[in-house]
Amino acid sequence: MKTTTATPWIQHPRFLKILYPTLVAVAVVLLWQGAVSYFRIPAFLVPSPLVMLESLWTHLTPLLLALLFTLKITLISFLLSIVIGAAVAFILVQNRFVETALFPYIVFLQVTPIVAIAPLIIIWVKDATLSLVVCATLMAVFPIISNTTQGLRSVSPGLLSYFRLNHASRWQTLVRLRIPSALPYFFGALRISSGLSLIGAVVAEFVAGTGGTNTGLAYQILQAGYQLDIPLMFAALLLISLAGIALFGVMSWVSRRALSAWHESEAVQSH
């Protein structure tokens, strides 16, 4: 009779995935603090982590309100990019002619710098919030279109022949074969697009430069730059980075929950 021994929690893969990045972050912060203190670098050039955290605590309320506004733009644009990207991918995969005719223009829209077209969008769209959402959506939608289209086409030829042999309709083939095959590609695109939505929101806020009550973290960075308040600028950058890490972590968790029960890409990592 075999007896299985439980893996110590300190050697558990999930614990190690948290431990190793945390150790690296602690080492970087300690080196940063030590370098600033040893070389006596002034705070208006590079603030120490303690000075940055002090500025974060001092301006906590406006920074949190700005973070909520940026996250609102990010989440709305992310949801729109999912809907638009999936719909376009389904249209492209139905016909090779449609994909060949339209995909170059989708790529053209993606490679055009958002900084270049954001002023036009802000002029054309009168509402400031809606213009920010449009800019962020344009930046985040391409990975979903590209990955989902590739996933819908990356089906096993044997399974596709089996479906045709059983006279499956196009709808049955799409729902029971193509969509399950595309899910790993789709969730991979979500991890990328979640970060791009945040980047697009911040870039659009930089270009818009709007003030008032509805302002995001980019406006806080701009104001800090004008006032040479470098610790506040670093504090806002810290919140943007943490928000991006949180979005990526949530999308990774959703992908793992959706795929670990049946797909090898997540099933291997979950053990």
C-alpha atoms as a PDB file:
ATOM      1  CA  MET A   1       0.000   0.000   0.000  1.00  0.00           C
ATOM      2  CA  LYS A   2       1.472   3.325  -1.094  1.00  0.00           C
ATOM      3  CA  THR A   3       1.413   6.332   1.144  1.00  0.00           C
ATOM      4  CA  THR A   4       1.582   9.804  -0.325  1.00  0.00           C
ATOM      5  CA  THR A   5       3.469  12.470   1.557  1.00  0.00           C
ATOM      6  CA  ALA A   6       2.204  16.000   1.376  1.00  0.00           C
ATOM      7  CA  THR A   7       4.537  18.572  -0.126  1.00  0.00           C
ATOM      8  CA  PRO A   8       5.773  21.050   2.501  1.00  0.00           C
ATOM      9  CA  TRP A   9       4.104  24.412   2.035  1.00  0.00           C
ATOM     10  CA  ILE A  10       7.463  26.131   1.648  1.00  0.00           C
ATOM     11  CA  GLN A  11       8.215  23.935  -1.395  1.00  0.00           C
ATOM     12  CA  HIS A  12       4.769  24.273  -2.947  1.00  0.00           C
ATOM     13  CA  PRO A  13       4.971  25.672  -6.512  1.00  0.00           C
ATOM     14  CA  ARG A  14       2.301  28.301  -5.859  1.00  0.00           C
ATOM     15  CA  PHE A  15       4.125  29.540  -2.767  1.00  0.00           C
ATOM     16  CA  LEU A  16       7.403  29.682  -4.683  1.00  0.00           C
ATOM     17  CA  LYS A  17       5.746  31.717  -7.464  1.00  0.00           C
ATOM     18  CA  ILE A  18       4.959  34.339  -4.842  1.00  0.00           C
ATOM     19  CA  LEU A  19       8.145  33.994  -2.805  1.00  0.00           C
ATOM     20  CA  TYR A  20      10.720  34.467  -5.560  1.00  0.00           C
ATOM     21  CA  PRO A  21       9.268  37.696  -7.049  1.00  0.00           C
ATOM     22  CA  THR A  22       8.764  39.047  -3.515  1.00  0.00           C
ATOM     23  CA  LEU A  23      12.411  38.416  -2.645  1.00  0.00           C
ATOM     24  CA  VAL A  24      13.521  40.157  -5.848  1.00  0.00           C
ATOM     25  CA  ALA A  25      11.250  43.134  -5.086  1.00  0.00           C
ATOM     26  CA  VAL A  26      12.594  43.416  -1.525  1.00  0.00           C
ATOM     27  CA  ALA A  27      16.187  43.254  -2.786  1.00  0.00           C
ATOM     28  CA  VAL A  28      15.537  45.957  -5.405  1.00  0.00           C
ATOM     29  CA  VAL A  29      13.861  48.243  -2.846  1.00  0.00           C
ATOM     30  CA  LEU A  30      16.726  47.784  -0.365  1.00  0.00           C
ATOM     31  CA  LEU A  31      19.324  48.494  -3.055  1.00  0.00           C
ATOM     32  CA  TRP A  32      17.336  51.528  -4.172  1.00  0.00           C
ATOM     33  CA  GLN A  33      17.073  52.884  -0.634  1.00  0.00           C
ATOM     34  CA  GLY A  34      20.740  52.180   0.056  1.00  0.00           C
ATOM     35  CA  ALA A  35      21.943  53.802  -3.168  1.00  0.00           C
ATOM     36  CA  VAL A  36      19.903  56.955  -2.624  1.00  0.00           C
ATOM     37  CA  SER A  37      21.103  57.256   0.973  1.00  0.00           C
ATOM     38  CA  TYR A  38      24.757  56.455   0.236  1.00  0.00           C
ATOM     39  CA  PHE A  39      25.140  58.764  -2.792  1.00  0.00           C
ATOM     40  CA  ARG A  40      22.905  61.464  -1.226  1.00  0.00           C
ATOM     41  CA  ILE A  41      20.742  61.706  -4.321  1.00  0.00           C
ATOM     42  CA  PRO A  42      18.254  64.579  -3.917  1.00  0.00           C
ATOM     43  CA  ALA A  43      14.550  63.729  -3.891  1.00  0.00           C
ATOM     44  CA  PHE A  44      13.833  65.961  -6.906  1.00  0.00           C
ATOM     45  CA  LEU A  45      16.002  63.614  -8.990  1.00  0.00           C
ATOM     46  CA  VAL A  46      15.332  60.134  -7.573  1.00  0.00           C
ATOM     47  CA  PRO A  47      13.322  59.872  -4.348  1.00  0.00           C
ATOM     48  CA  SER A  48      13.972  57.006  -1.988  1.00  0.00           C
ATOM     49  CA  PRO A  49      11.249  54.383  -1.437  1.00  0.00           C
ATOM     50  CA  LEU A  50      10.523  55.858   1.997  1.00  0.00           C
ATOM     51  CA  VAL A  51      10.042  59.347   0.562  1.00  0.00           C
ATOM     52  CA  MET A  52       7.850  57.932  -2.195  1.00  0.00           C
ATOM     53  CA  LEU A  53       5.673  56.052   0.319  1.00  0.00           C
ATOM     54  CA  GLU A  54       5.452  59.177   2.455  1.00  0.00           C
ATOM     55  CA  SER A  55       4.222  61.146  -0.563  1.00  0.00           C
ATOM     56  CA  LEU A  56       1.775  58.362  -1.370  1.00  0.00           C
ATOM     57  CA  TRP A  57       0.337  58.523   2.130  1.00  0.00           C
ATOM     58  CA  THR A  58       0.148  62.331   2.072  1.00  0.00           C
ATOM     59  CA  HIS A  59      -1.721  62.411  -1.255  1.00  0.00           C
ATOM     60  CA  LEU A  60      -3.566  59.141  -0.741  1.00  0.00           C
ATOM     61  CA  THR A  61      -7.100  60.454  -1.311  1.00  0.00           C
ATOM     62  CA  PRO A  62      -6.533  62.255  -4.654  1.00  0.00           C
ATOM     63  CA  LEU A  63      -4.338  59.419  -5.883  1.00  0.00           C
ATOM     64  CA  LEU A  64      -6.963  56.777  -5.058  1.00  0.00           C
ATOM     65  CA  LEU A  65      -9.671  58.833  -6.758  1.00  0.00           C
ATOM     66  CA  ALA A  66      -7.430  59.187  -9.805  1.00  0.00           C
ATOM     67  CA  LEU A  67      -6.730  55.448  -9.731  1.00  0.00           C
ATOM     68  CA  LEU A  68     -10.459  54.694  -9.678  1.00  0.00           C
ATOM     69  CA  PHE A  69     -11.012  56.928 -12.706  1.00  0.00           C
ATOM     70  CA  THR A  70      -8.149  55.287 -14.633  1.00  0.00           C
ATOM     71  CA  LEU A  71      -9.426  51.825 -13.709  1.00  0.00           C
ATOM     72  CA  LYS A  72     -12.913  52.779 -14.868  1.00  0.00           C
ATOM     73  CA  ILE A  73     -11.567  53.745 -18.282  1.00  0.00           C
ATOM     74  CA  THR A  74      -9.417  50.606 -18.330  1.00  0.00           C
ATOM     75  CA  LEU A  75     -12.214  48.178 -17.470  1.00  0.00           C
ATOM     76  CA  ILE A  76     -14.741  49.715 -19.860  1.00  0.00           C
ATOM     77  CA  SER A  77     -12.271  49.666 -22.735  1.00  0.00           C
ATOM     78  CA  PHE A  78     -11.176  46.134 -21.819  1.00  0.00           C
ATOM     79  CA  LEU A  79     -14.757  44.843 -21.901  1.00  0.00           C
ATOM     80  CA  LEU A  80     -15.404  46.633 -25.191  1.00  0.00           C
ATOM     81  CA  SER A  81     -12.235  45.175 -26.694  1.00  0.00           C
ATOM     82  CA  ILE A  82     -13.362  41.675 -25.669  1.00  0.00           C
ATOM     83  CA  VAL A  83     -16.770  42.082 -27.303  1.00  0.00           C
ATOM     84  CA  ILE A  84     -15.458  43.784 -30.442  1.00  0.00           C
ATOM     85  CA  GLY A  85     -12.408  41.544 -30.776  1.00  0.00           C
ATOM     86  CA  ALA A  86     -14.339  38.297 -30.388  1.00  0.00           C
ATOM     87  CA  ALA A  87     -17.065  39.451 -32.801  1.00  0.00           C
ATOM     88  CA  VAL A  88     -14.528  40.487 -35.454  1.00  0.00           C
ATOM     89  CA  ALA A  89     -12.630  37.207 -35.019  1.00  0.00           C
ATOM     90  CA  PHE A  90     -15.827  35.192 -35.544  1.00  0.00           C
ATOM     91  CA  ILE A  91     -16.552  37.183 -38.707  1.00  0.00           C
ATOM     92  CA  LEU A  92     -13.029  36.755 -40.073  1.00  0.00           C
ATOM     93  CA  VAL A  93     -12.934  33.017 -39.493  1.00  0.00           C
ATOM     94  CA  GLN A  94     -16.148  32.385 -41.433  1.00  0.00           C
ATOM     95  CA  ASN A  95     -14.596  33.243 -44.781  1.00  0.00           C
ATOM     96  CA  ARG A  96     -10.990  33.385 -45.998  1.00  0.00           C
ATOM     97  CA  PHE A  97     -11.832  36.172 -48.426  1.00  0.00           C
ATOM     98  CA  VAL A  98     -13.190  38.373 -45.638  1.00  0.00           C
ATOM     99  CA  GLU A  99     -10.091  37.723 -43.502  1.00  0.00           C
ATOM    100  CA  THR A 100      -7.727  38.424 -46.398  1.00  0.00           C
ATOM    101  CA  ALA A 101      -9.561  41.627 -47.299  1.00  0.00           C
ATOM    102  CA  LEU A 102      -9.945  43.101 -43.807  1.00  0.00           C
ATOM    103  CA  PHE A 103      -7.013  41.854 -41.729  1.00  0.00           C
ATOM    104  CA  PRO A 104      -4.396  44.222 -43.279  1.00  0.00           C
ATOM    105  CA  TYR A 105      -6.527  47.203 -42.231  1.00  0.00           C
ATOM    106  CA  ILE A 106      -6.830  45.811 -38.706  1.00  0.00           C
ATOM    107  CA  VAL A 107      -3.040  45.540 -38.589  1.00  0.00           C
ATOM    108  CA  PHE A 108      -2.745  49.077 -40.001  1.00  0.00           C
ATOM    109  CA  LEU A 109      -4.960  50.356 -37.185  1.00  0.00           C
ATOM    110  CA  GLN A 110      -2.833  48.531 -34.613  1.00  0.00           C
ATOM    111  CA  VAL A 111       0.569  49.740 -35.824  1.00  0.00           C
ATOM    112  CA  THR A 112      -0.588  53.363 -35.984  1.00  0.00           C
ATOM    113  CA  PRO A 113       0.692  55.002 -32.768  1.00  0.00           C
ATOM    114  CA  ILE A 114      -2.174  55.816 -30.431  1.00  0.00           C
ATOM    115  CA  VAL A 115      -0.389  59.043 -29.502  1.00  0.00           C
ATOM    116  CA  ALA A 116      -0.723  60.186 -33.110  1.00  0.00           C
ATOM    117  CA  ILE A 117      -4.456  59.547 -33.472  1.00  0.00           C
ATOM    118  CA  ALA A 118      -5.546  60.294 -29.892  1.00  0.00           C
ATOM    119  CA  PRO A 119      -5.757  64.088 -30.493  1.00  0.00           C
ATOM    120  CA  LEU A 120      -8.048  63.465 -33.471  1.00  0.00           C
ATOM    121  CA  ILE A 121     -10.268  61.138 -31.444  1.00  0.00           C
ATOM    122  CA  ILE A 122     -10.457  63.664 -28.622  1.00  0.00           C
ATOM    123  CA  ILE A 123     -11.482  66.366 -31.136  1.00  0.00           C
ATOM    124  CA  TRP A 124     -14.041  64.178 -32.917  1.00  0.00           C
ATOM    125  CA  VAL A 125     -15.560  62.701 -29.751  1.00  0.00           C
ATOM    126  CA  LYS A 126     -16.842  65.581 -27.664  1.00  0.00           C
ATOM    127  CA  ASP A 127     -17.198  63.645 -24.409  1.00  0.00           C
ATOM    128  CA  ALA A 128     -13.820  63.411 -22.653  1.00  0.00           C
ATOM    129  CA  THR A 129     -14.477  60.075 -20.940  1.00  0.00           C
ATOM    130  CA  LEU A 130     -15.785  58.461 -24.123  1.00  0.00           C
ATOM    131  CA  SER A 131     -12.755  59.643 -26.084  1.00  0.00           C
ATOM    132  CA  LEU A 132     -10.440  58.052 -23.515  1.00  0.00           C
ATOM    133  CA  VAL A 133     -12.391  54.790 -23.764  1.00  0.00           C
ATOM    134  CA  VAL A 134     -12.133  54.815 -27.561  1.00  0.00           C
ATOM    135  CA  CYS A 135      -8.358  55.354 -27.455  1.00  0.00           C
ATOM    136  CA  ALA A 136      -7.814  52.589 -24.900  1.00  0.00           C
ATOM    137  CA  THR A 137     -10.104  50.190 -26.791  1.00  0.00           C
ATOM    138  CA  LEU A 138      -8.221  50.725 -30.055  1.00  0.00           C
ATOM    139  CA  MET A 139      -4.997  49.855 -28.264  1.00  0.00           C
ATOM    140  CA  ALA A 140      -6.330  46.693 -26.594  1.00  0.00           C
ATOM    141  CA  VAL A 141      -8.521  45.111 -29.259  1.00  0.00           C
ATOM    142  CA  PHE A 142      -5.879  43.805 -31.684  1.00  0.00           C
ATOM    143  CA  PRO A 143      -4.442  40.944 -29.546  1.00  0.00           C
ATOM    144  CA  ILE A 144      -7.957  39.599 -29.007  1.00  0.00           C
ATOM    145  CA  ILE A 145      -8.731  39.707 -32.736  1.00  0.00           C
ATOM    146  CA  SER A 146      -5.409  38.134 -33.706  1.00  0.00           C
ATOM    147  CA  ASN A 147      -5.256  35.422 -31.039  1.00  0.00           C
ATOM    148  CA  THR A 148      -8.923  34.469 -31.254  1.00  0.00           C
ATOM    149  CA  THR A 149      -8.781  34.230 -35.048  1.00  0.00           C
ATOM    150  CA  GLN A 150      -5.707  32.031 -34.835  1.00  0.00           C
ATOM    151  CA  GLY A 151      -7.345  29.882 -32.173  1.00  0.00           C
ATOM    152  CA  LEU A 152     -10.554  29.426 -34.164  1.00  0.00           C
ATOM    153  CA  ARG A 153      -8.477  28.208 -37.105  1.00  0.00           C
ATOM    154  CA  SER A 154      -6.103  26.045 -35.042  1.00  0.00           C
ATOM    155  CA  VAL A 155      -8.339  22.997 -34.884  1.00  0.00           C
ATOM    156  CA  SER A 156      -7.223  19.415 -35.290  1.00  0.00           C
ATOM    157  CA  PRO A 157      -7.662  18.313 -38.933  1.00  0.00           C
ATOM    158  CA  GLY A 158      -8.707  14.885 -37.722  1.00  0.00           C
ATOM    159  CA  LEU A 159     -11.424  16.281 -35.483  1.00  0.00           C
ATOM    160  CA  LEU A 160     -12.574  18.628 -38.240  1.00  0.00           C
ATOM    161  CA  SER A 161     -12.837  15.680 -40.650  1.00  0.00           C
ATOM    162  CA  TYR A 162     -14.754  13.737 -37.995  1.00  0.00           C
ATOM    163  CA  PHE A 163     -17.264  16.579 -37.615  1.00  0.00           C
ATOM    164  CA  ARG A 164     -17.710  16.743 -41.373  1.00  0.00           C
ATOM    165  CA  LEU A 165     -18.106  12.970 -41.559  1.00  0.00           C
ATOM    166  CA  ASN A 166     -20.970  13.230 -39.080  1.00  0.00           C
ATOM    167  CA  HIS A 167     -22.549  16.048 -41.118  1.00  0.00           C
ATOM    168  CA  ALA A 168     -22.146  18.616 -38.352  1.00  0.00           C
ATOM    169  CA  SER A 169     -23.471  22.042 -39.209  1.00  0.00           C
ATOM    170  CA  ARG A 170     -21.250  25.111 -39.264  1.00  0.00           C
ATOM    171  CA  TRP A 171     -22.813  26.249 -35.985  1.00  0.00           C
ATOM    172  CA  GLN A 172     -22.136  22.871 -34.302  1.00  0.00           C
ATOM    173  CA  THR A 173     -18.553  22.899 -35.551  1.00  0.00           C
ATOM    174  CA  LEU A 174     -18.086  26.425 -34.246  1.00  0.00           C
ATOM    175  CA  VAL A 175     -19.570  25.816 -30.794  1.00  0.00           C
ATOM    176  CA  ARG A 176     -18.275  22.300 -30.119  1.00  0.00           C
ATOM    177  CA  LEU A 177     -14.906  22.352 -31.871  1.00  0.00           C
ATOM    178  CA  ARG A 178     -13.580  25.766 -32.859  1.00  0.00           C
ATOM    179  CA  ILE A 179     -14.496  27.722 -29.714  1.00  0.00           C
ATOM    180  CA  PRO A 180     -13.025  25.140 -27.268  1.00  0.00           C
ATOM    181  CA  SER A 181      -9.872  25.023 -29.393  1.00  0.00           C
ATOM    182  CA  ALA A 182      -9.647  28.829 -29.361  1.00  0.00           C
ATOM    183  CA  LEU A 183     -10.089  29.304 -25.599  1.00  0.00           C
ATOM    184  CA  PRO A 184      -6.348  29.004 -24.699  1.00  0.00           C
ATOM    185  CA  TYR A 185      -5.527  31.598 -27.369  1.00  0.00           C
ATOM    186  CA  PHE A 186      -8.398  33.803 -26.187  1.00  0.00           C
ATOM    187  CA  PHE A 187      -7.334  33.774 -22.531  1.00  0.00           C
ATOM    188  CA  GLY A 188      -3.749  34.441 -23.572  1.00  0.00           C
ATOM    189  CA  ALA A 189      -5.008  37.503 -25.428  1.00  0.00           C
ATOM    190  CA  LEU A 190      -6.908  38.644 -22.332  1.00  0.00           C
ATOM    191  CA  ARG A 191      -3.687  38.741 -20.307  1.00  0.00           C
ATOM    192  CA  ILE A 192      -2.110  40.957 -22.957  1.00  0.00           C
ATOM    193  CA  SER A 193      -5.117  43.190 -23.599  1.00  0.00           C
ATOM    194  CA  SER A 194      -5.760  43.871 -19.923  1.00  0.00           C
ATOM    195  CA  GLY A 195      -2.380  45.566 -19.678  1.00  0.00           C
ATOM    196  CA  LEU A 196      -2.806  47.316 -23.013  1.00  0.00           C
ATOM    197  CA  SER A 197      -6.138  48.736 -21.834  1.00  0.00           C
ATOM    198  CA  LEU A 198      -4.380  50.290 -18.863  1.00  0.00           C
ATOM    199  CA  ILE A 199      -1.566  51.633 -21.050  1.00  0.00           C
ATOM    200  CA  GLY A 200      -4.075  53.022 -23.538  1.00  0.00           C
ATOM    201  CA  ALA A 201      -6.046  54.731 -20.775  1.00  0.00           C
ATOM    202  CA  VAL A 202      -2.922  56.348 -19.336  1.00  0.00           C
ATOM    203  CA  VAL A 203      -1.617  57.443 -22.750  1.00  0.00           C
ATOM    204  CA  ALA A 204      -4.998  58.915 -23.679  1.00  0.00           C
ATOM    205  CA  GLU A 205      -5.103  60.803 -20.382  1.00  0.00           C
ATOM    206  CA  PHE A 206      -1.645  62.209 -21.108  1.00  0.00           C
ATOM    207  CA  VAL A 207      -2.755  63.437 -24.523  1.00  0.00           C
ATOM    208  CA  ALA A 208      -6.070  64.802 -23.258  1.00  0.00           C
ATOM    209  CA  GLY A 209      -4.507  66.493 -20.231  1.00  0.00           C
ATOM    210  CA  THR A 210      -7.948  67.193 -18.774  1.00  0.00           C
ATOM    211  CA  GLY A 211      -8.289  68.577 -15.279  1.00  0.00           C
ATOM    212  CA  GLY A 212     -11.175  68.845 -12.866  1.00  0.00           C
ATOM    213  CA  THR A 213     -12.818  66.128 -10.827  1.00  0.00           C
ATOM    214  CA  ASN A 214     -12.666  63.359 -13.448  1.00  0.00           C
ATOM    215  CA  THR A 215      -8.910  62.989 -13.741  1.00  0.00           C
ATOM    216  CA  GLY A 216      -6.753  59.900 -13.815  1.00  0.00           C
ATOM    217  CA  LEU A 217      -3.277  59.042 -12.673  1.00  0.00           C
ATOM    218  CA  ALA A 218      -1.740  60.443 -15.852  1.00  0.00           C
ATOM    219  CA  TYR A 219      -3.017  63.892 -14.934  1.00  0.00           C
ATOM    220  CA  GLN A 220      -1.521  63.486 -11.460  1.00  0.00           C
ATOM    221  CA  ILE A 221       1.821  62.648 -13.078  1.00  0.00           C
ATOM    222  CA  LEU A 222       1.571  65.686 -15.349  1.00  0.00           C
ATOM    223  CA  GLN A 223       0.783  67.977 -12.434  1.00  0.00           C
ATOM    224  CA  ALA A 224       3.606  66.486 -10.373  1.00  0.00           C
ATOM    225  CA  GLY A 225       5.984  67.078 -13.285  1.00  0.00           C
ATOM    226  CA  TYR A 226       4.940  70.707 -13.621  1.00  0.00           C
ATOM    227  CA  GLN A 227       5.475  71.222  -9.882  1.00  0.00           C
ATOM    228  CA  LEU A 228       8.697  69.149  -9.804  1.00  0.00           C
ATOM    229  CA  ASP A 229       7.077  66.937  -7.181  1.00  0.00           C
ATOM    230  CA  ILE A 230       9.043  63.841  -8.180  1.00  0.00           C
ATOM    231  CA  PRO A 231       8.025  61.719  -5.130  1.00  0.00           C
ATOM    232  CA  LEU A 232       4.353  62.223  -6.079  1.00  0.00           C
ATOM    233  CA  MET A 233       5.175  61.240  -9.645  1.00  0.00           C
ATOM    234  CA  PHE A 234       6.820  58.029  -8.422  1.00  0.00           C
ATOM    235  CA  ALA A 235       3.835  57.321  -6.169  1.00  0.00           C
ATOM    236  CA  ALA A 236       1.442  57.612  -9.119  1.00  0.00           C
ATOM    237  CA  LEU A 237       3.703  55.382 -11.212  1.00  0.00           C
ATOM    238  CA  LEU A 238       3.689  52.834  -8.403  1.00  0.00           C
ATOM    239  CA  LEU A 239      -0.111  52.726  -8.402  1.00  0.00           C
ATOM    240  CA  ILE A 240      -0.185  52.287 -12.193  1.00  0.00           C
ATOM    241  CA  SER A 241       2.300  49.411 -11.968  1.00  0.00           C
ATOM    242  CA  LEU A 242       0.377  47.724  -9.156  1.00  0.00           C
ATOM    243  CA  ALA A 243      -2.863  48.085 -11.112  1.00  0.00           C
ATOM    244  CA  GLY A 244      -1.257  46.464 -14.161  1.00  0.00           C
ATOM    245  CA  ILE A 245       0.104  43.583 -12.077  1.00  0.00           C
ATOM    246  CA  ALA A 246      -3.314  43.102 -10.485  1.00  0.00           C
ATOM    247  CA  LEU A 247      -5.043  42.992 -13.876  1.00  0.00           C
ATOM    248  CA  PHE A 248      -2.557  40.455 -15.205  1.00  0.00           C
ATOM    249  CA  GLY A 249      -2.932  38.350 -12.059  1.00  0.00           C
ATOM    250  CA  VAL A 250      -6.722  38.342 -12.294  1.00  0.00           C
ATOM    251  CA  MET A 251      -6.645  37.328 -15.958  1.00  0.00           C
ATOM    252  CA  SER A 252      -4.130  34.567 -15.190  1.00  0.00           C
ATOM    253  CA  TRP A 253      -6.392  33.288 -12.413  1.00  0.00           C
ATOM    254  CA  VAL A 254      -9.435  33.332 -14.705  1.00  0.00           C
ATOM    255  CA  SER A 255      -7.478  31.474 -17.392  1.00  0.00           C
ATOM    256  CA  ARG A 256      -6.304  28.871 -14.901  1.00  0.00           C
ATOM    257  CA  ARG A 257      -9.817  28.351 -13.538  1.00  0.00           C
ATOM    258  CA  ALA A 258     -11.288  27.996 -17.024  1.00  0.00           C
ATOM    259  CA  LEU A 259      -8.630  25.741 -18.562  1.00  0.00           C
ATOM    260  CA  SER A 260      -7.008  23.724 -15.767  1.00  0.00           C
ATOM    261  CA  ALA A 261      -9.728  21.045 -15.773  1.00  0.00           C
ATOM    262  CA  TRP A 262      -9.262  20.045 -19.407  1.00  0.00           C
ATOM    263  CA  HIS A 263      -6.380  21.794 -21.195  1.00  0.00           C
ATOM    264  CA  GLU A 264      -2.772  20.708 -20.764  1.00  0.00           C
ATOM    265  CA  SER A 265      -1.344  24.252 -20.857  1.00  0.00           C
ATOM    266  CA  GLU A 266      -2.873  25.036 -17.451  1.00  0.00           C
ATOM    267  CA  ALA A 267      -3.266  21.496 -16.136  1.00  0.00           C
ATOM    268  CA  VAL A 268       0.521  21.023 -16.064  1.00  0.00           C
ATOM    269  CA  GLN A 269       1.105  24.303 -14.238  1.00  0.00           C
ATOM    270  CA  SER A 270      -1.566  23.596 -11.622  1.00  0.00           C
ATOM    271  CA  HIS A 271       0.229  20.490 -10.326  1.00  0.00           C
END
